[in-house]
PDB file of all heavy atoms in Angstrom:
ATOM      1  N   SER A   1      -7.652  15.618   0.581  1.00  0.00           N
ATOM      2  CA  SER A   1      -6.684  16.555  -0.029  1.00  0.00           C
ATOM      3  C   SER A   1      -7.083  16.802  -1.443  1.00  0.00           C
ATOM      4  O   SER A   1      -6.825  15.985  -2.294  1.00  0.00           O
ATOM      5  CB  SER A   1      -5.273  16.031   0.024  1.00  0.00           C
ATOM      6  OG  SER A   1      -4.380  16.925  -0.558  1.00  0.00           O
ATOM      7  N   GLY A   2      -7.761  17.909  -1.665  1.00  0.00           N
ATOM      8  CA  GLY A   2      -8.286  18.155  -3.046  1.00  0.00           C
ATOM      9  C   GLY A   2      -9.228  17.049  -3.479  1.00  0.00           C
ATOM     10  O   GLY A   2     -10.127  16.699  -2.796  1.00  0.00           O
ATOM     11  N   SER A   3      -8.933  16.437  -4.677  1.00  0.00           N
ATOM     12  CA  SER A   3      -9.771  15.339  -5.150  1.00  0.00           C
ATOM     13  C   SER A   3      -9.187  14.004  -4.803  1.00  0.00           C
ATOM     14  O   SER A   3      -9.678  12.988  -5.216  1.00  0.00           O
ATOM     15  CB  SER A   3      -9.934  15.499  -6.676  1.00  0.00           C
ATOM     16  OG  SER A   3      -8.622  15.366  -7.295  1.00  0.00           O
ATOM     17  N   ALA A   4      -8.066  14.005  -4.096  1.00  0.00           N
ATOM     18  CA  ALA A   4      -7.421  12.710  -3.761  1.00  0.00           C
ATOM     19  C   ALA A   4      -7.816  12.197  -2.409  1.00  0.00           C
ATOM     20  O   ALA A   4      -7.611  12.933  -1.387  1.00  0.00           O
ATOM     21  CB  ALA A   4      -5.908  12.853  -3.857  1.00  0.00           C
ATOM     22  N   PRO A   5      -8.331  11.011  -2.292  1.00  0.00           N
ATOM     23  CA  PRO A   5      -8.550  10.450  -0.991  1.00  0.00           C
ATOM     24  C   PRO A   5      -7.356  10.254  -0.155  1.00  0.00           C
ATOM     25  O   PRO A   5      -6.210  10.106  -0.814  1.00  0.00           O
ATOM     26  CB  PRO A   5      -9.292   9.145  -1.244  1.00  0.00           C
ATOM     27  CG  PRO A   5      -8.828   8.756  -2.616  1.00  0.00           C
ATOM     28  CD  PRO A   5      -8.647  10.084  -3.344  1.00  0.00           C
ATOM     29  N   VAL A   6      -7.422  10.305   1.102  1.00  0.00           N
ATOM     30  CA  VAL A   6      -6.209   9.989   2.018  1.00  0.00           C
ATOM     31  C   VAL A   6      -6.395   8.594   2.606  1.00  0.00           C
ATOM     32  O   VAL A   6      -7.375   8.377   3.278  1.00  0.00           O
ATOM     33  CB  VAL A   6      -6.105  11.106   3.003  1.00  0.00           C
ATOM     34  CG1 VAL A   6      -4.879  10.858   3.878  1.00  0.00           C
ATOM     35  CG2 VAL A   6      -6.001  12.494   2.369  1.00  0.00           C
ATOM     36  N   PHE A   7      -5.396   7.728   2.360  1.00  0.00           N
ATOM     37  CA  PHE A   7      -5.516   6.345   2.832  1.00  0.00           C
ATOM     38  C   PHE A   7      -4.725   6.178   4.107  1.00  0.00           C
ATOM     39  O   PHE A   7      -3.562   6.590   4.240  1.00  0.00           O
ATOM     40  CB  PHE A   7      -4.961   5.447   1.798  1.00  0.00           C
ATOM     41  CG  PHE A   7      -5.684   5.496   0.438  1.00  0.00           C
ATOM     42  CD1 PHE A   7      -5.089   6.203  -0.615  1.00  0.00           C
ATOM     43  CD2 PHE A   7      -6.962   4.987   0.216  1.00  0.00           C
ATOM     44  CE1 PHE A   7      -5.702   6.311  -1.835  1.00  0.00           C
ATOM     45  CE2 PHE A   7      -7.544   5.035  -0.948  1.00  0.00           C
ATOM     46  CZ  PHE A   7      -7.004   5.732  -1.988  1.00  0.00           C
ATOM     47  N   SER A   8      -5.319   5.504   5.105  1.00  0.00           N
ATOM     48  CA  SER A   8      -4.643   5.358   6.391  1.00  0.00           C
ATOM     49  C   SER A   8      -3.443   4.365   6.362  1.00  0.00           C
ATOM     50  O   SER A   8      -2.650   4.446   7.294  1.00  0.00           O
ATOM     51  CB  SER A   8      -5.669   4.889   7.434  1.00  0.00           C
ATOM     52  OG  SER A   8      -6.268   3.643   7.075  1.00  0.00           O
ATOM     53  N   ASP A   9      -3.439   3.507   5.326  1.00  0.00           N
ATOM     54  CA  ASP A   9      -2.289   2.569   5.330  1.00  0.00           C
ATOM     55  C   ASP A   9      -1.143   3.071   4.406  1.00  0.00           C
ATOM     56  O   ASP A   9      -0.206   2.274   4.169  1.00  0.00           O
ATOM     57  CB  ASP A   9      -2.800   1.230   4.700  1.00  0.00           C
ATOM     58  CG  ASP A   9      -3.354   1.317   3.320  1.00  0.00           C
ATOM     59  OD1 ASP A   9      -3.832   2.398   2.921  1.00  0.00           O
ATOM     60  OD2 ASP A   9      -3.230   0.300   2.537  1.00  0.00           O
ATOM     61  N   VAL A  10      -1.240   4.309   4.069  1.00  0.00           N
ATOM     62  CA  VAL A  10      -0.109   4.916   3.178  1.00  0.00           C
ATOM     63  C   VAL A  10       0.727   5.828   3.942  1.00  0.00           C
ATOM     64  O   VAL A  10       0.278   6.703   4.725  1.00  0.00           O
ATOM     65  CB  VAL A  10      -0.701   5.695   1.976  1.00  0.00           C
ATOM     66  CG1 VAL A  10       0.401   6.458   1.258  1.00  0.00           C
ATOM     67  CG2 VAL A  10      -1.495   4.783   1.014  1.00  0.00           C
ATOM     68  N   ASP A  11       2.099   5.549   3.962  1.00  0.00           N
ATOM     69  CA  ASP A  11       3.042   6.456   4.505  1.00  0.00           C
ATOM     70  C   ASP A  11       3.394   7.481   3.380  1.00  0.00           C
ATOM     71  O   ASP A  11       4.240   7.164   2.496  1.00  0.00           O
ATOM     72  CB  ASP A  11       4.250   5.718   4.989  1.00  0.00           C
ATOM     73  CG  ASP A  11       5.267   6.668   5.680  1.00  0.00           C
ATOM     74  OD1 ASP A  11       5.127   7.896   5.570  1.00  0.00           O
ATOM     75  OD2 ASP A  11       6.302   6.210   6.194  1.00  0.00           O
ATOM     76  N   TYR A  12       2.787   8.665   3.480  1.00  0.00           N
ATOM     77  CA  TYR A  12       2.992   9.609   2.386  1.00  0.00           C
ATOM     78  C   TYR A  12       4.416  10.223   2.295  1.00  0.00           C
ATOM     79  O   TYR A  12       4.755  10.961   1.370  1.00  0.00           O
ATOM     80  CB  TYR A  12       1.912  10.690   2.445  1.00  0.00           C
ATOM     81  CG  TYR A  12       0.547  10.152   1.971  1.00  0.00           C
ATOM     82  CD1 TYR A  12      -0.323   9.743   2.911  1.00  0.00           C
ATOM     83  CD2 TYR A  12       0.194  10.123   0.652  1.00  0.00           C
ATOM     84  CE1 TYR A  12      -1.560   9.240   2.479  1.00  0.00           C
ATOM     85  CE2 TYR A  12      -1.098   9.696   0.282  1.00  0.00           C
ATOM     86  CZ  TYR A  12      -1.895   9.212   1.175  1.00  0.00           C
ATOM     87  OH  TYR A  12      -3.099   8.742   0.806  1.00  0.00           O
ATOM     88  N   SER A  13       5.235   9.920   3.301  1.00  0.00           N
ATOM     89  CA  SER A  13       6.565  10.407   3.327  1.00  0.00           C
ATOM     90  C   SER A  13       7.476   9.381   2.670  1.00  0.00           C
ATOM     91  O   SER A  13       8.703   9.595   2.488  1.00  0.00           O
ATOM     92  CB  SER A  13       7.054  10.730   4.703  1.00  0.00           C
ATOM     93  OG  SER A  13       7.144   9.588   5.544  1.00  0.00           O
ATOM     94  N   ASP A  14       6.958   8.169   2.360  1.00  0.00           N
ATOM     95  CA  ASP A  14       7.833   7.126   1.844  1.00  0.00           C
ATOM     96  C   ASP A  14       7.945   7.249   0.354  1.00  0.00           C
ATOM     97  O   ASP A  14       7.347   8.140  -0.334  1.00  0.00           O
ATOM     98  CB  ASP A  14       7.208   5.762   2.198  1.00  0.00           C
ATOM     99  CG  ASP A  14       8.221   4.634   2.451  1.00  0.00           C
ATOM    100  OD1 ASP A  14       9.390   4.788   1.887  1.00  0.00           O
ATOM    101  OD2 ASP A  14       7.932   3.629   3.062  1.00  0.00           O
ATOM    102  N   TRP A  15       8.722   6.408  -0.271  1.00  0.00           N
ATOM    103  CA  TRP A  15       9.110   6.537  -1.688  1.00  0.00           C
ATOM    104  C   TRP A  15       7.907   6.518  -2.599  1.00  0.00           C
ATOM    105  O   TRP A  15       8.021   6.995  -3.734  1.00  0.00           O
ATOM    106  CB  TRP A  15      10.034   5.343  -2.082  1.00  0.00           C
ATOM    107  CG  TRP A  15       9.583   4.000  -1.869  1.00  0.00           C
ATOM    108  CD1 TRP A  15       9.634   3.326  -0.670  1.00  0.00           C
ATOM    109  CD2 TRP A  15       8.860   3.193  -2.782  1.00  0.00           C
ATOM    110  NE1 TRP A  15       9.015   2.047  -0.867  1.00  0.00           N
ATOM    111  CE2 TRP A  15       8.555   1.944  -2.113  1.00  0.00           C
ATOM    112  CE3 TRP A  15       8.442   3.347  -4.119  1.00  0.00           C
ATOM    113  CZ2 TRP A  15       7.835   0.927  -2.715  1.00  0.00           C
ATOM    114  CZ3 TRP A  15       7.863   2.274  -4.703  1.00  0.00           C
ATOM    115  CH2 TRP A  15       7.519   1.061  -4.098  1.00  0.00           C
ATOM    116  N   TYR A  16       6.811   5.950  -2.236  1.00  0.00           N
ATOM    117  CA  TYR A  16       5.661   5.851  -3.119  1.00  0.00           C
ATOM    118  C   TYR A  16       4.475   6.806  -2.740  1.00  0.00           C
ATOM    119  O   TYR A  16       3.555   6.831  -3.521  1.00  0.00           O
ATOM    120  CB  TYR A  16       5.048   4.364  -2.994  1.00  0.00           C
ATOM    121  CG  TYR A  16       4.595   4.083  -1.561  1.00  0.00           C
ATOM    122  CD1 TYR A  16       3.355   4.427  -1.144  1.00  0.00           C
ATOM    123  CD2 TYR A  16       5.472   3.371  -0.683  1.00  0.00           C
ATOM    124  CE1 TYR A  16       2.893   4.166   0.180  1.00  0.00           C
ATOM    125  CE2 TYR A  16       5.054   3.136   0.639  1.00  0.00           C
ATOM    126  CZ  TYR A  16       3.814   3.464   1.022  1.00  0.00           C
ATOM    127  OH  TYR A  16       3.402   3.200   2.330  1.00  0.00           O
ATOM    128  N   GLY A  17       4.740   7.571  -1.756  1.00  0.00           N
ATOM    129  CA  GLY A  17       3.599   8.477  -1.250  1.00  0.00           C
ATOM    130  C   GLY A  17       3.034   9.424  -2.278  1.00  0.00           C
ATOM    131  O   GLY A  17       1.873   9.511  -2.476  1.00  0.00           O
ATOM    132  N   ASP A  18       3.961  10.172  -2.972  1.00  0.00           N
ATOM    133  CA  ASP A  18       3.525  11.075  -4.000  1.00  0.00           C
ATOM    134  C   ASP A  18       2.806  10.343  -5.125  1.00  0.00           C
ATOM    135  O   ASP A  18       1.861  10.948  -5.703  1.00  0.00           O
ATOM    136  CB  ASP A  18       4.781  11.865  -4.472  1.00  0.00           C
ATOM    137  CG  ASP A  18       5.210  12.925  -3.540  1.00  0.00           C
ATOM    138  OD1 ASP A  18       4.527  13.213  -2.628  1.00  0.00           O
ATOM    139  OD2 ASP A  18       6.387  13.379  -3.746  1.00  0.00           O
ATOM    140  N   ALA A  19       3.282   9.163  -5.481  1.00  0.00           N
ATOM    141  CA  ALA A  19       2.609   8.419  -6.553  1.00  0.00           C
ATOM    142  C   ALA A  19       1.161   8.007  -6.235  1.00  0.00           C
ATOM    143  O   ALA A  19       0.306   8.040  -7.080  1.00  0.00           O
ATOM    144  CB  ALA A  19       3.478   7.246  -6.941  1.00  0.00           C
ATOM    145  N   VAL A  20       1.007   7.635  -4.923  1.00  0.00           N
ATOM    146  CA  VAL A  20      -0.346   7.299  -4.568  1.00  0.00           C
ATOM    147  C   VAL A  20      -1.282   8.471  -4.663  1.00  0.00           C
ATOM    148  O   VAL A  20      -2.467   8.320  -5.158  1.00  0.00           O
ATOM    149  CB  VAL A  20      -0.350   6.759  -3.055  1.00  0.00           C
ATOM    150  CG1 VAL A  20      -1.728   6.643  -2.534  1.00  0.00           C
ATOM    151  CG2 VAL A  20       0.355   5.391  -3.012  1.00  0.00           C
ATOM    152  N   THR A  21      -0.859   9.672  -4.232  1.00  0.00           N
ATOM    153  CA  THR A  21      -1.678  10.846  -4.380  1.00  0.00           C
ATOM    154  C   THR A  21      -1.960  11.114  -5.846  1.00  0.00           C
ATOM    155  O   THR A  21      -3.055  11.473  -6.176  1.00  0.00           O
ATOM    156  CB  THR A  21      -0.961  12.033  -3.795  1.00  0.00           C
ATOM    157  OG1 THR A  21      -0.652  11.812  -2.311  1.00  0.00           O
ATOM    158  CG2 THR A  21      -1.788  13.287  -3.900  1.00  0.00           C
ATOM    159  N   PHE A  22      -0.982  10.914  -6.688  1.00  0.00           N
ATOM    160  CA  PHE A  22      -1.089  11.184  -8.078  1.00  0.00           C
ATOM    161  C   PHE A  22      -2.192  10.293  -8.762  1.00  0.00           C
ATOM    162  O   PHE A  22      -3.124  10.802  -9.414  1.00  0.00           O
ATOM    163  CB  PHE A  22       0.213  11.018  -8.795  1.00  0.00           C
ATOM    164  CG  PHE A  22       0.268  11.332 -10.223  1.00  0.00           C
ATOM    165  CD1 PHE A  22       0.667  12.504 -10.711  1.00  0.00           C
ATOM    166  CD2 PHE A  22      -0.018  10.284 -11.178  1.00  0.00           C
ATOM    167  CE1 PHE A  22       0.692  12.843 -12.055  1.00  0.00           C
ATOM    168  CE2 PHE A  22      -0.011  10.579 -12.572  1.00  0.00           C
ATOM    169  CZ  PHE A  22       0.361  11.851 -12.990  1.00  0.00           C
ATOM    170  N   VAL A  23      -2.058   9.065  -8.541  1.00  0.00           N
ATOM    171  CA  VAL A  23      -3.035   8.081  -9.201  1.00  0.00           C
ATOM    172  C   VAL A  23      -4.412   8.191  -8.550  1.00  0.00           C
ATOM    173  O   VAL A  23      -5.468   7.998  -9.208  1.00  0.00           O
ATOM    174  CB  VAL A  23      -2.511   6.607  -9.169  1.00  0.00           C
ATOM    175  CG1 VAL A  23      -1.236   6.561  -9.985  1.00  0.00           C
ATOM    176  CG2 VAL A  23      -2.343   6.124  -7.774  1.00  0.00           C
ATOM    177  N   ALA A  24      -4.437   8.460  -7.217  1.00  0.00           N
ATOM    178  CA  ALA A  24      -5.792   8.563  -6.608  1.00  0.00           C
ATOM    179  C   ALA A  24      -6.517   9.846  -7.065  1.00  0.00           C
ATOM    180  O   ALA A  24      -7.732   9.727  -7.229  1.00  0.00           O
ATOM    181  CB  ALA A  24      -5.538   8.598  -5.009  1.00  0.00           C
ATOM    182  N   ALA A  25      -5.804  10.887  -7.263  1.00  0.00           N
ATOM    183  CA  ALA A  25      -6.374  12.206  -7.748  1.00  0.00           C
ATOM    184  C   ALA A  25      -6.943  12.004  -9.091  1.00  0.00           C
ATOM    185  O   ALA A  25      -7.991  12.662  -9.476  1.00  0.00           O
ATOM    186  CB  ALA A  25      -5.373  13.279  -7.695  1.00  0.00           C
ATOM    187  N   ARG A  26      -6.360  11.082  -9.857  1.00  0.00           N
ATOM    188  CA  ARG A  26      -6.868  10.848 -11.186  1.00  0.00           C
ATOM    189  C   ARG A  26      -7.917   9.767 -11.336  1.00  0.00           C
ATOM    190  O   ARG A  26      -8.424   9.414 -12.364  1.00  0.00           O
ATOM    191  CB  ARG A  26      -5.714  10.518 -12.167  1.00  0.00           C
ATOM    192  CG  ARG A  26      -4.943  11.779 -12.497  1.00  0.00           C
ATOM    193  CD  ARG A  26      -3.499  11.524 -12.963  1.00  0.00           C
ATOM    194  NE  ARG A  26      -2.838  12.675 -13.363  1.00  0.00           N
ATOM    195  CZ  ARG A  26      -2.378  13.638 -12.479  1.00  0.00           C
ATOM    196  NH1 ARG A  26      -2.519  13.388 -11.209  1.00  0.00           N
ATOM    197  NH2 ARG A  26      -1.769  14.731 -12.918  1.00  0.00           N
ATOM    198  N   GLY A  27      -8.222   9.207 -10.141  1.00  0.00           N
ATOM    199  CA  GLY A  27      -9.242   8.121 -10.081  1.00  0.00           C
ATOM    200  C   GLY A  27      -8.798   6.812 -10.645  1.00  0.00           C
ATOM    201  O   GLY A  27      -9.598   5.956 -10.992  1.00  0.00           O
ATOM    202  N   LEU A  28      -7.495   6.663 -10.858  1.00  0.00           N
ATOM    203  CA  LEU A  28      -6.953   5.423 -11.435  1.00  0.00           C
ATOM    204  C   LEU A  28      -6.924   4.239 -10.479  1.00  0.00           C
ATOM    205  O   LEU A  28      -7.288   3.124 -10.770  1.00  0.00           O
ATOM    206  CB  LEU A  28      -5.543   5.661 -12.092  1.00  0.00           C
ATOM    207  CG  LEU A  28      -5.548   6.733 -13.129  1.00  0.00           C
ATOM    208  CD1 LEU A  28      -4.096   6.912 -13.654  1.00  0.00           C
ATOM    209  CD2 LEU A  28      -6.475   6.500 -14.215  1.00  0.00           C
ATOM    210  N   ILE A  29      -6.336   4.517  -9.255  1.00  0.00           N
ATOM    211  CA  ILE A  29      -6.377   3.543  -8.190  1.00  0.00           C
ATOM    212  C   ILE A  29      -7.120   4.205  -7.021  1.00  0.00           C
ATOM    213  O   ILE A  29      -6.554   5.131  -6.383  1.00  0.00           O
ATOM    214  CB  ILE A  29      -4.977   3.077  -7.798  1.00  0.00           C
ATOM    215  CG1 ILE A  29      -4.171   2.585  -8.995  1.00  0.00           C
ATOM    216  CG2 ILE A  29      -5.056   2.040  -6.785  1.00  0.00           C
ATOM    217  CD1 ILE A  29      -2.782   2.100  -8.740  1.00  0.00           C
ATOM    218  N   THR A  30      -8.289   3.717  -6.768  1.00  0.00           N
ATOM    219  CA  THR A  30      -9.181   4.439  -5.804  1.00  0.00           C
ATOM    220  C   THR A  30      -9.238   3.800  -4.467  1.00  0.00           C
ATOM    221  O   THR A  30      -9.927   4.223  -3.573  1.00  0.00           O
ATOM    222  CB  THR A  30     -10.616   4.493  -6.417  1.00  0.00           C
ATOM    223  OG1 THR A  30     -11.007   3.171  -6.682  1.00  0.00           O
ATOM    224  CG2 THR A  30     -10.611   5.266  -7.656  1.00  0.00           C
ATOM    225  N   GLY A  31      -8.470   2.680  -4.320  1.00  0.00           N
ATOM    226  CA  GLY A  31      -8.444   1.904  -3.030  1.00  0.00           C
ATOM    227  C   GLY A  31      -9.684   0.965  -2.947  1.00  0.00           C
ATOM    228  O   GLY A  31     -10.551   0.911  -3.836  1.00  0.00           O
ATOM    229  N   TYR A  32      -9.636   0.138  -1.936  1.00  0.00           N
ATOM    230  CA  TYR A  32     -10.736  -0.875  -1.773  1.00  0.00           C
ATOM    231  C   TYR A  32     -11.954  -0.135  -1.308  1.00  0.00           C
ATOM    232  O   TYR A  32     -11.954   0.715  -0.473  1.00  0.00           O
ATOM    233  CB  TYR A  32     -10.238  -1.905  -0.752  1.00  0.00           C
ATOM    234  CG  TYR A  32      -9.075  -2.750  -1.145  1.00  0.00           C
ATOM    235  CD1 TYR A  32      -7.821  -2.656  -0.445  1.00  0.00           C
ATOM    236  CD2 TYR A  32      -9.081  -3.587  -2.205  1.00  0.00           C
ATOM    237  CE1 TYR A  32      -6.710  -3.434  -0.831  1.00  0.00           C
ATOM    238  CE2 TYR A  32      -7.996  -4.347  -2.630  1.00  0.00           C
ATOM    239  CZ  TYR A  32      -6.860  -4.230  -1.933  1.00  0.00           C
ATOM    240  OH  TYR A  32      -5.741  -5.017  -2.289  1.00  0.00           O
ATOM    241  N   THR A  33     -13.121  -0.677  -1.809  1.00  0.00           N
ATOM    242  CA  THR A  33     -14.403  -0.104  -1.433  1.00  0.00           C
ATOM    243  C   THR A  33     -15.233  -1.014  -0.611  1.00  0.00           C
ATOM    244  O   THR A  33     -16.313  -0.471  -0.122  1.00  0.00           O
ATOM    245  CB  THR A  33     -15.119   0.281  -2.781  1.00  0.00           C
ATOM    246  OG1 THR A  33     -15.314  -0.946  -3.571  1.00  0.00           O
ATOM    247  CG2 THR A  33     -14.393   1.303  -3.601  1.00  0.00           C
TER     248      THR A  33
END
């Protein structure tokens, strides 16, 4: 989604979903590699 990776362990409808997209799009928390 744009510059933000989509993580399979994230429920994007849950309370933290938008925040994960936010930090991932900025490259702050990129997930495990």
